[in-house]
Amino acid sequence: MRTLKIILFVTSLLGVGFLAGFFTHRYVVGKKIEKVAEMRFAMGFSRNLFERINADEEQKSKMAPVVDKYAQQMAKISRDSREKRKELIDSLYKEIRPFMTQKQIEEMEAFSRRFRHKEREWKDRNMKKKRRRPENVAQ
């Protein structure tokens, strides 16, 4: 009976450790992905650069005009790239549509609607986050 209790304890301890590791990993990866996604926007790019080089306030004020100029360009490239991808996907759908069944077309359209909905939710969520950040409050 004693060995059974020990085995159960060790097994449950391993299970708890596995779950804790799984959720910790998921959280850390999510934060990294969020940080990379944030760099697509000018403000996120600038903030990340200043964090990486550990710039003090004086350096930030001196470098800000130059960094902002390049951050705006990076954001534009990201927007242009997104638009080009969308155009490419639309062209693809237009060309393959004649070869698809009605059910496949409906599934593709449902997927597109879900994707656009999720994209809107993501944008709304990010706009709320930006409003909450102290650096975005009346500068």
N, C-alpha and C. Protein backbone atom coordinates (compact mmCIF):
# COMPACT_ATOMS: atom_id res chain seq x y z
N MET A 1 0.82 -1.19 0.00
CA MET A 1 0.00 0.00 0.00
C MET A 1 0.87 1.26 0.00
N ARG A 2 1.96 1.21 0.77
CA ARG A 2 2.85 2.36 0.86
C ARG A 2 3.50 2.65 -0.49
N THR A 3 3.93 1.62 -1.21
CA THR A 3 4.55 1.84 -2.53
C THR A 3 3.53 2.39 -3.52
N LEU A 4 2.28 1.99 -3.41
CA LEU A 4 1.24 2.51 -4.29
C LEU A 4 1.07 4.01 -4.06
N LYS A 5 1.08 4.44 -2.80
CA LYS A 5 0.95 5.86 -2.47
C LYS A 5 2.14 6.65 -3.04
N ILE A 6 3.33 6.08 -2.91
CA ILE A 6 4.53 6.74 -3.43
C ILE A 6 4.46 6.86 -4.94
N ILE A 7 4.04 5.80 -5.60
CA ILE A 7 3.93 5.81 -7.06
C ILE A 7 2.89 6.84 -7.50
N LEU A 8 1.74 6.87 -6.83
CA LEU A 8 0.71 7.86 -7.16
C LEU A 8 1.21 9.28 -6.92
N PHE A 9 1.92 9.49 -5.84
CA PHE A 9 2.45 10.82 -5.53
C PHE A 9 3.45 11.27 -6.61
N VAL A 10 4.38 10.39 -6.96
CA VAL A 10 5.38 10.72 -7.97
C VAL A 10 4.70 10.97 -9.32
N THR A 11 3.74 10.14 -9.68
CA THR A 11 3.02 10.31 -10.95
C THR A 11 2.27 11.63 -10.97
N SER A 12 1.57 11.95 -9.89
CA SER A 12 0.83 13.22 -9.86
C SER A 12 1.79 14.40 -9.87
N LEU A 13 2.92 14.27 -9.21
CA LEU A 13 3.93 15.33 -9.21
C LEU A 13 4.48 15.55 -10.63
N LEU A 14 4.71 14.47 -11.35
CA LEU A 14 5.16 14.58 -12.75
C LEU A 14 4.08 15.23 -13.61
N GLY A 15 2.84 14.85 -13.39
CA GLY A 15 1.74 15.44 -14.14
C GLY A 15 1.62 16.94 -13.90
N VAL A 16 1.71 17.34 -12.64
CA VAL A 16 1.65 18.77 -12.31
C VAL A 16 2.83 19.50 -12.94
N GLY A 17 4.00 18.90 -12.89
CA GLY A 17 5.19 19.51 -13.50
C GLY A 17 5.04 19.66 -15.00
N PHE A 18 4.49 18.65 -15.62
CA PHE A 18 4.27 18.70 -17.06
C PHE A 18 3.30 19.83 -17.40
N LEU A 19 2.19 19.90 -16.71
CA LEU A 19 1.20 20.95 -16.97
C LEU A 19 1.79 22.34 -16.73
N ALA A 20 2.52 22.49 -15.63
CA ALA A 20 3.13 23.80 -15.35
C ALA A 20 4.12 24.17 -16.45
N GLY A 21 4.91 23.23 -16.89
CA GLY A 21 5.86 23.49 -17.97
C GLY A 21 5.17 23.82 -19.27
N PHE A 22 4.10 23.11 -19.57
CA PHE A 22 3.35 23.34 -20.80
C PHE A 22 2.79 24.77 -20.82
N PHE A 23 2.11 25.16 -19.75
CA PHE A 23 1.49 26.49 -19.73
C PHE A 23 2.52 27.61 -19.64
N THR A 24 3.62 27.37 -18.95
CA THR A 24 4.68 28.37 -18.90
C THR A 24 5.28 28.56 -20.29
N HIS A 25 5.56 27.47 -20.98
CA HIS A 25 6.11 27.55 -22.33
C HIS A 25 5.14 28.28 -23.26
N ARG A 26 3.88 27.95 -23.16
CA ARG A 26 2.86 28.60 -23.99
C ARG A 26 2.83 30.11 -23.74
N TYR A 27 2.92 30.51 -22.49
CA TYR A 27 2.91 31.93 -22.13
C TYR A 27 4.14 32.65 -22.70
N VAL A 28 5.31 32.04 -22.51
CA VAL A 28 6.56 32.66 -22.98
C VAL A 28 6.57 32.79 -24.50
N VAL A 29 6.17 31.75 -25.19
CA VAL A 29 6.13 31.79 -26.66
C VAL A 29 5.13 32.84 -27.12
N GLY A 30 3.98 32.91 -26.46
CA GLY A 30 2.98 33.92 -26.81
C GLY A 30 3.52 35.32 -26.68
N LYS A 31 4.27 35.58 -25.62
CA LYS A 31 4.86 36.90 -25.42
C LYS A 31 5.90 37.22 -26.49
N LYS A 32 6.69 36.24 -26.88
CA LYS A 32 7.68 36.46 -27.93
C LYS A 32 7.01 36.76 -29.26
N ILE A 33 5.97 36.02 -29.58
CA ILE A 33 5.23 36.25 -30.82
C ILE A 33 4.61 37.63 -30.81
N GLU A 34 4.06 38.02 -29.67
CA GLU A 34 3.45 39.34 -29.54
C GLU A 34 4.49 40.44 -29.77
N LYS A 35 5.67 40.25 -29.24
CA LYS A 35 6.72 41.26 -29.39
C LYS A 35 7.16 41.38 -30.85
N VAL A 36 7.29 40.25 -31.53
CA VAL A 36 7.67 40.28 -32.94
C VAL A 36 6.56 40.94 -33.76
N ALA A 37 5.31 40.60 -33.47
CA ALA A 37 4.19 41.20 -34.19
C ALA A 37 4.13 42.70 -33.95
N GLU A 38 4.47 43.13 -32.76
CA GLU A 38 4.45 44.55 -32.41
C GLU A 38 5.46 45.34 -33.25
N MET A 39 6.52 44.68 -33.68
CA MET A 39 7.56 45.37 -34.44
C MET A 39 7.11 45.74 -35.86
N ARG A 40 5.94 45.25 -36.27
CA ARG A 40 5.42 45.64 -37.58
C ARG A 40 4.93 47.08 -37.58
N PHE A 41 4.75 47.64 -36.40
CA PHE A 41 4.25 49.01 -36.28
C PHE A 41 5.37 49.92 -35.83
N ALA A 42 5.31 51.18 -36.24
CA ALA A 42 6.39 52.12 -35.98
C ALA A 42 6.70 52.24 -34.49
N MET A 43 5.67 52.41 -33.68
CA MET A 43 5.90 52.60 -32.25
C MET A 43 6.53 51.36 -31.62
N GLY A 44 6.05 50.17 -32.01
CA GLY A 44 6.61 48.93 -31.49
C GLY A 44 8.06 48.74 -31.92
N PHE A 45 8.36 49.10 -33.17
CA PHE A 45 9.72 48.99 -33.67
C PHE A 45 10.65 49.89 -32.85
N SER A 46 10.24 51.14 -32.66
CA SER A 46 11.07 52.09 -31.91
C SER A 46 11.29 51.62 -30.48
N ARG A 47 10.21 51.23 -29.81
CA ARG A 47 10.30 50.78 -28.42
C ARG A 47 11.23 49.58 -28.30
N ASN A 48 11.09 48.63 -29.22
CA ASN A 48 11.92 47.43 -29.17
C ASN A 48 13.39 47.78 -29.39
N LEU A 49 13.66 48.67 -30.33
CA LEU A 49 15.05 49.06 -30.58
C LEU A 49 15.67 49.71 -29.34
N PHE A 50 14.94 50.63 -28.74
CA PHE A 50 15.46 51.31 -27.55
C PHE A 50 15.66 50.33 -26.39
N GLU A 51 14.77 49.35 -26.27
CA GLU A 51 14.94 48.33 -25.22
C GLU A 51 16.18 47.49 -25.50
N ARG A 52 16.37 47.11 -26.77
CA ARG A 52 17.51 46.25 -27.12
C ARG A 52 18.85 46.91 -26.84
N ILE A 53 18.94 48.20 -27.14
CA ILE A 53 20.22 48.87 -26.92
C ILE A 53 20.31 49.48 -25.54
N ASN A 54 19.22 49.32 -24.76
CA ASN A 54 19.18 49.84 -23.40
C ASN A 54 19.50 51.34 -23.37
N ALA A 55 18.83 52.10 -24.20
CA ALA A 55 19.09 53.53 -24.32
C ALA A 55 18.53 54.29 -23.13
N ASP A 56 19.29 55.25 -22.64
CA ASP A 56 18.77 56.11 -21.57
C ASP A 56 17.92 57.22 -22.18
N GLU A 57 17.29 58.02 -21.34
CA GLU A 57 16.36 59.05 -21.84
C GLU A 57 17.04 60.07 -22.75
N GLU A 58 18.27 60.45 -22.42
CA GLU A 58 18.99 61.42 -23.25
C GLU A 58 19.25 60.85 -24.64
N GLN A 59 19.70 59.60 -24.69
CA GLN A 59 19.95 58.95 -25.97
C GLN A 59 18.66 58.82 -26.77
N LYS A 60 17.58 58.45 -26.09
CA LYS A 60 16.29 58.32 -26.78
C LYS A 60 15.88 59.63 -27.43
N SER A 61 16.04 60.73 -26.69
CA SER A 61 15.62 62.02 -27.24
C SER A 61 16.49 62.43 -28.43
N LYS A 62 17.77 62.07 -28.41
CA LYS A 62 18.65 62.41 -29.53
C LYS A 62 18.40 61.51 -30.74
N MET A 63 18.14 60.24 -30.48
CA MET A 63 17.97 59.28 -31.57
C MET A 63 16.55 59.22 -32.11
N ALA A 64 15.59 59.69 -31.36
CA ALA A 64 14.18 59.53 -31.72
C ALA A 64 13.84 59.97 -33.14
N PRO A 65 14.29 61.15 -33.61
CA PRO A 65 13.91 61.54 -34.98
C PRO A 65 14.40 60.56 -36.05
N VAL A 66 15.61 60.07 -35.89
CA VAL A 66 16.17 59.13 -36.87
C VAL A 66 15.45 57.79 -36.77
N VAL A 67 15.29 57.29 -35.56
CA VAL A 67 14.64 56.01 -35.36
C VAL A 67 13.19 56.07 -35.86
N ASP A 68 12.50 57.17 -35.57
CA ASP A 68 11.11 57.31 -36.02
C ASP A 68 11.01 57.27 -37.54
N LYS A 69 11.97 57.92 -38.21
CA LYS A 69 11.96 57.93 -39.68
C LYS A 69 12.05 56.51 -40.22
N TYR A 70 12.97 55.72 -39.67
CA TYR A 70 13.13 54.35 -40.14
C TYR A 70 11.99 53.45 -39.67
N ALA A 71 11.46 53.72 -38.50
CA ALA A 71 10.33 52.93 -37.99
C ALA A 71 9.12 53.12 -38.89
N GLN A 72 8.90 54.34 -39.36
CA GLN A 72 7.78 54.59 -40.27
C GLN A 72 7.97 53.82 -41.58
N GLN A 73 9.19 53.77 -42.05
CA GLN A 73 9.48 53.03 -43.28
C GLN A 73 9.25 51.53 -43.08
N MET A 74 9.67 51.01 -41.92
CA MET A 74 9.46 49.58 -41.62
C MET A 74 7.97 49.27 -41.55
N ALA A 75 7.20 50.15 -40.94
CA ALA A 75 5.75 49.94 -40.85
C ALA A 75 5.12 49.95 -42.24
N LYS A 76 5.59 50.84 -43.10
CA LYS A 76 5.05 50.93 -44.46
C LYS A 76 5.35 49.64 -45.24
N ILE A 77 6.57 49.14 -45.09
CA ILE A 77 6.94 47.89 -45.75
C ILE A 77 6.02 46.76 -45.28
N SER A 78 5.75 46.72 -43.99
CA SER A 78 4.88 45.68 -43.43
C SER A 78 3.47 45.80 -44.00
N ARG A 79 2.94 47.03 -44.06
CA ARG A 79 1.59 47.24 -44.62
C ARG A 79 1.55 46.84 -46.09
N ASP A 80 2.56 47.29 -46.85
CA ASP A 80 2.61 46.96 -48.27
C ASP A 80 2.68 45.45 -48.49
N SER A 81 3.49 44.80 -47.68
CA SER A 81 3.65 43.36 -47.79
C SER A 81 2.32 42.66 -47.50
N ARG A 82 1.61 43.12 -46.47
CA ARG A 82 0.32 42.54 -46.12
C ARG A 82 -0.67 42.71 -47.27
N GLU A 83 -0.68 43.91 -47.87
CA GLU A 83 -1.59 44.17 -48.99
C GLU A 83 -1.24 43.30 -50.20
N LYS A 84 0.06 43.14 -50.47
CA LYS A 84 0.47 42.29 -51.59
C LYS A 84 0.06 40.83 -51.36
N ARG A 85 0.21 40.36 -50.11
CA ARG A 85 -0.21 39.00 -49.78
C ARG A 85 -1.71 38.83 -50.00
N LYS A 86 -2.48 39.83 -49.57
CA LYS A 86 -3.93 39.77 -49.74
C LYS A 86 -4.29 39.72 -51.22
N GLU A 87 -3.65 40.56 -52.03
CA GLU A 87 -3.91 40.56 -53.47
C GLU A 87 -3.56 39.21 -54.09
N LEU A 88 -2.46 38.65 -53.66
CA LEU A 88 -2.02 37.36 -54.17
C LEU A 88 -3.02 36.26 -53.81
N ILE A 89 -3.47 36.24 -52.58
CA ILE A 89 -4.46 35.25 -52.15
C ILE A 89 -5.76 35.43 -52.92
N ASP A 90 -6.20 36.68 -53.10
CA ASP A 90 -7.43 36.93 -53.87
C ASP A 90 -7.29 36.43 -55.31
N SER A 91 -6.13 36.65 -55.91
CA SER A 91 -5.89 36.15 -57.27
C SER A 91 -5.93 34.63 -57.31
N LEU A 92 -5.30 34.03 -56.33
CA LEU A 92 -5.30 32.57 -56.24
C LEU A 92 -6.73 32.04 -56.16
N TYR A 93 -7.52 32.59 -55.25
CA TYR A 93 -8.91 32.15 -55.11
C TYR A 93 -9.67 32.32 -56.42
N LYS A 94 -9.45 33.43 -57.09
CA LYS A 94 -10.17 33.70 -58.34
C LYS A 94 -9.82 32.65 -59.40
N GLU A 95 -8.54 32.24 -59.46
CA GLU A 95 -8.12 31.29 -60.47
C GLU A 95 -8.53 29.85 -60.17
N ILE A 96 -8.56 29.48 -58.90
CA ILE A 96 -8.89 28.09 -58.58
C ILE A 96 -10.39 27.86 -58.39
N ARG A 97 -11.13 28.94 -58.24
CA ARG A 97 -12.58 28.82 -58.01
C ARG A 97 -13.30 27.96 -59.05
N PRO A 98 -13.00 28.10 -60.37
CA PRO A 98 -13.71 27.27 -61.36
C PRO A 98 -13.49 25.77 -61.18
N PHE A 99 -12.42 25.38 -60.51
CA PHE A 99 -12.10 23.96 -60.34
C PHE A 99 -12.67 23.38 -59.04
N MET A 100 -13.30 24.23 -58.24
CA MET A 100 -13.77 23.81 -56.92
C MET A 100 -15.26 23.48 -56.95
N THR A 101 -15.64 22.60 -56.03
CA THR A 101 -17.07 22.29 -55.89
C THR A 101 -17.73 23.42 -55.10
N GLN A 102 -19.04 23.46 -55.10
CA GLN A 102 -19.77 24.48 -54.36
C GLN A 102 -19.46 24.39 -52.87
N LYS A 103 -19.35 23.17 -52.37
CA LYS A 103 -19.04 22.97 -50.95
C LYS A 103 -17.65 23.53 -50.62
N GLN A 104 -16.67 23.29 -51.48
CA GLN A 104 -15.32 23.81 -51.27
C GLN A 104 -15.32 25.34 -51.30
N ILE A 105 -16.09 25.91 -52.21
CA ILE A 105 -16.18 27.37 -52.30
C ILE A 105 -16.78 27.93 -51.01
N GLU A 106 -17.83 27.30 -50.51
CA GLU A 106 -18.46 27.75 -49.27
C GLU A 106 -17.49 27.64 -48.10
N GLU A 107 -16.73 26.54 -48.04
CA GLU A 107 -15.74 26.37 -46.98
C GLU A 107 -14.65 27.44 -47.06
N MET A 108 -14.20 27.72 -48.27
CA MET A 108 -13.18 28.75 -48.46
C MET A 108 -13.71 30.12 -48.03
N GLU A 109 -14.95 30.43 -48.40
CA GLU A 109 -15.54 31.71 -48.02
C GLU A 109 -15.75 31.81 -46.51
N ALA A 110 -16.16 30.70 -45.90
CA ALA A 110 -16.33 30.68 -44.44
C ALA A 110 -14.98 30.90 -43.75
N PHE A 111 -13.95 30.25 -44.28
CA PHE A 111 -12.61 30.44 -43.72
C PHE A 111 -12.19 31.90 -43.84
N SER A 112 -12.43 32.50 -45.00
CA SER A 112 -12.06 33.91 -45.20
C SER A 112 -12.80 34.82 -44.23
N ARG A 113 -14.09 34.54 -44.03
CA ARG A 113 -14.87 35.36 -43.09
C ARG A 113 -14.33 35.22 -41.68
N ARG A 114 -14.03 33.97 -41.26
CA ARG A 114 -13.47 33.75 -39.91
C ARG A 114 -12.13 34.46 -39.77
N PHE A 115 -11.30 34.37 -40.81
CA PHE A 115 -9.98 35.00 -40.76
C PHE A 115 -10.11 36.51 -40.62
N ARG A 116 -11.00 37.12 -41.43
CA ARG A 116 -11.20 38.57 -41.35
C ARG A 116 -11.75 38.96 -39.99
N HIS A 117 -12.65 38.14 -39.44
CA HIS A 117 -13.22 38.42 -38.12
C HIS A 117 -12.13 38.37 -37.05
N LYS A 118 -11.29 37.33 -37.11
CA LYS A 118 -10.21 37.21 -36.13
C LYS A 118 -9.21 38.35 -36.27
N GLU A 119 -8.96 38.75 -37.51
CA GLU A 119 -8.04 39.86 -37.75
C GLU A 119 -8.60 41.15 -37.14
N ARG A 120 -9.90 41.39 -37.30
CA ARG A 120 -10.53 42.57 -36.70
C ARG A 120 -10.45 42.51 -35.18
N GLU A 121 -10.72 41.33 -34.61
CA GLU A 121 -10.62 41.16 -33.15
C GLU A 121 -9.21 41.46 -32.67
N TRP A 122 -8.22 40.96 -33.41
CA TRP A 122 -6.82 41.18 -33.04
C TRP A 122 -6.49 42.66 -33.08
N LYS A 123 -6.94 43.36 -34.13
CA LYS A 123 -6.69 44.79 -34.24
C LYS A 123 -7.36 45.55 -33.10
N ASP A 124 -8.61 45.19 -32.80
CA ASP A 124 -9.32 45.85 -31.70
C ASP A 124 -8.59 45.62 -30.37
N ARG A 125 -8.14 44.39 -30.15
CA ARG A 125 -7.43 44.07 -28.91
C ARG A 125 -6.14 44.86 -28.81
N ASN A 126 -5.42 44.98 -29.93
CA ASN A 126 -4.16 45.73 -29.92
C ASN A 126 -4.40 47.22 -29.72
N MET A 127 -5.48 47.75 -30.28
CA MET A 127 -5.79 49.17 -30.08
C MET A 127 -6.07 49.44 -28.61
N LYS A 128 -6.76 48.52 -27.94
CA LYS A 128 -7.03 48.69 -26.51
C LYS A 128 -5.73 48.64 -25.72
N LYS A 129 -4.83 47.73 -26.09
CA LYS A 129 -3.54 47.64 -25.40
C LYS A 129 -2.75 48.93 -25.58
N LYS A 130 -2.75 49.48 -26.80
CA LYS A 130 -1.99 50.70 -27.07
C LYS A 130 -2.52 51.85 -26.23
N ARG A 131 -3.84 51.91 -26.05
CA ARG A 131 -4.42 52.99 -25.25
C ARG A 131 -4.05 52.87 -23.80
N ARG A 132 -3.81 51.65 -23.31
CA ARG A 132 -3.49 51.45 -21.90
C ARG A 132 -2.02 51.72 -21.58
N ARG A 133 -1.16 51.67 -22.56
CA ARG A 133 0.27 51.83 -22.30
C ARG A 133 0.59 53.28 -21.97
N PRO A 134 1.42 53.48 -20.93
CA PRO A 134 1.74 54.86 -20.50
C PRO A 134 2.43 55.68 -21.58
N GLU A 135 3.24 55.04 -22.42
CA GLU A 135 3.96 55.83 -23.43
C GLU A 135 3.02 56.33 -24.52
N ASN A 136 1.80 55.80 -24.58
CA ASN A 136 0.84 56.24 -25.60
C ASN A 136 -0.11 57.31 -25.06
N VAL A 137 0.03 57.66 -23.81
CA VAL A 137 -0.83 58.67 -23.23
C VAL A 137 -0.25 60.04 -23.51
N ALA A 138 -1.05 60.95 -24.02
CA ALA A 138 -0.72 62.34 -24.37
C ALA A 138 0.74 62.70 -24.22
N GLN A 139 1.42 62.68 -25.33
CA GLN A 139 2.85 63.01 -25.31
C GLN A 139 3.05 64.43 -25.77
